[in-house]
Amino acid sequence: DNIYYEIGKKLIENKDELLVEFVENKIKKYNNIISKLGNKDTEAVIAKRNLANERIEKLKELI
């Protein structure tokens, strides 16, 4: 899964104590990206917004 490129596989497998904090920080970054994209409706912005939302959902599954 692509999530292992952002969060190390061993970190997830070992349920590292810092995992929740690290994942929450990643989610905040993606939410920040979404807010900076604003309400623009170009094809590229919509694609980036969708990608960010997908990654947020995958990250939430980890915590």
C-alpha atoms as a PDB file:
ATOM      1  CA  ASP A   1       0.000   0.000   0.000  1.00  0.00           C
ATOM      2  CA  ASN A   2       1.191   3.545  -0.728  1.00  0.00           C
ATOM      3  CA  ILE A   3       0.674   4.542   2.890  1.00  0.00           C
ATOM      4  CA  TYR A   4       3.963   2.794   3.719  1.00  0.00           C
ATOM      5  CA  TYR A   5       5.790   5.478   1.731  1.00  0.00           C
ATOM      6  CA  GLU A   6       4.547   8.083   4.198  1.00  0.00           C
ATOM      7  CA  ILE A   7       4.482   6.037   7.376  1.00  0.00           C
ATOM      8  CA  GLY A   8       7.151   3.387   7.772  1.00  0.00           C
ATOM      9  CA  LYS A   9       5.864  -0.181   7.669  1.00  0.00           C
ATOM     10  CA  LYS A  10       7.774  -1.099  10.838  1.00  0.00           C
ATOM     11  CA  LEU A  11       6.315   1.897  12.673  1.00  0.00           C
ATOM     12  CA  ILE A  12       2.838   0.588  11.872  1.00  0.00           C
ATOM     13  CA  GLU A  13       3.606  -3.079  12.540  1.00  0.00           C
ATOM     14  CA  ASN A  14       5.241  -2.336  15.890  1.00  0.00           C
ATOM     15  CA  LYS A  15       2.422   0.029  16.943  1.00  0.00           C
ATOM     16  CA  ASP A  16       5.083   2.543  17.930  1.00  0.00           C
ATOM     17  CA  GLU A  17       4.035   4.903  20.728  1.00  0.00           C
ATOM     18  CA  LEU A  18       4.708   7.903  18.487  1.00  0.00           C
ATOM     19  CA  LEU A  19       2.531   6.573  15.665  1.00  0.00           C
ATOM     20  CA  VAL A  20      -0.640   8.422  16.686  1.00  0.00           C
ATOM     21  CA  GLU A  21       1.135  11.762  17.070  1.00  0.00           C
ATOM     22  CA  PHE A  22       2.971  11.296  13.768  1.00  0.00           C
ATOM     23  CA  VAL A  23      -0.212  10.352  11.891  1.00  0.00           C
ATOM     24  CA  GLU A  24      -2.162  13.258  13.392  1.00  0.00           C
ATOM     25  CA  ASN A  25       0.595  15.615  12.230  1.00  0.00           C
ATOM     26  CA  LYS A  26       0.342  14.195   8.686  1.00  0.00           C
ATOM     27  CA  ILE A  27      -3.451  14.642   8.743  1.00  0.00           C
ATOM     28  CA  LYS A  28      -3.033  18.287   9.797  1.00  0.00           C
ATOM     29  CA  LYS A  29      -0.652  18.862   6.892  1.00  0.00           C
ATOM     30  CA  TYR A  30      -3.132  17.397   4.401  1.00  0.00           C
ATOM     31  CA  ASN A  31      -5.968  19.462   5.873  1.00  0.00           C
ATOM     32  CA  ASN A  32      -3.766  22.539   5.503  1.00  0.00           C
ATOM     33  CA  ILE A  33      -3.190  21.685   1.837  1.00  0.00           C
ATOM     34  CA  ILE A  34      -6.931  21.293   1.289  1.00  0.00           C
ATOM     35  CA  SER A  35      -7.682  24.639   2.923  1.00  0.00           C
ATOM     36  CA  LYS A  36      -5.028  26.397   0.819  1.00  0.00           C
ATOM     37  CA  LEU A  37      -6.581  24.976  -2.348  1.00  0.00           C
ATOM     38  CA  GLY A  38      -9.719  26.876  -1.456  1.00  0.00           C
ATOM     39  CA  ASN A  39     -12.891  26.605  -3.487  1.00  0.00           C
ATOM     40  CA  LYS A  40     -11.190  26.509  -6.856  1.00  0.00           C
ATOM     41  CA  ASP A  41     -12.743  23.982  -9.193  1.00  0.00           C
ATOM     42  CA  THR A  42     -10.065  23.384 -11.782  1.00  0.00           C
ATOM     43  CA  GLU A  43      -9.353  19.800 -12.732  1.00  0.00           C
ATOM     44  CA  ALA A  44      -5.921  19.855 -11.081  1.00  0.00           C
ATOM     45  CA  VAL A  45      -7.237  21.308  -7.818  1.00  0.00           C
ATOM     46  CA  ILE A  46     -10.062  18.777  -7.660  1.00  0.00           C
ATOM     47  CA  ALA A  47      -7.571  15.940  -8.235  1.00  0.00           C
ATOM     48  CA  LYS A  48      -5.239  17.236  -5.508  1.00  0.00           C
ATOM     49  CA  ARG A  49      -8.130  17.709  -3.090  1.00  0.00           C
ATOM     50  CA  ASN A  50      -9.369  14.167  -3.752  1.00  0.00           C
ATOM     51  CA  LEU A  51      -5.879  12.740  -3.299  1.00  0.00           C
ATOM     52  CA  ALA A  52      -5.436  14.589  -0.008  1.00  0.00           C
ATOM     53  CA  ASN A  53      -8.828  13.356   1.230  1.00  0.00           C
ATOM     54  CA  GLU A  54      -7.971   9.762   0.278  1.00  0.00           C
ATOM     55  CA  ARG A  55      -4.684   9.959   2.165  1.00  0.00           C
ATOM     56  CA  ILE A  56      -6.399  11.443   5.203  1.00  0.00           C
ATOM     57  CA  GLU A  57      -8.847   8.523   5.246  1.00  0.00           C
ATOM     58  CA  LYS A  58      -6.013   5.984   4.995  1.00  0.00           C
ATOM     59  CA  LEU A  59      -4.120   7.733   7.775  1.00  0.00           C
ATOM     60  CA  LYS A  60      -7.207   7.764  10.018  1.00  0.00           C
ATOM     61  CA  GLU A  61      -7.451   3.986   9.629  1.00  0.00           C
ATOM     62  CA  LEU A  62      -4.063   3.692  11.346  1.00  0.00           C
ATOM     63  CA  ILE A  63      -5.131   5.416  14.567  1.00  0.00           C
END
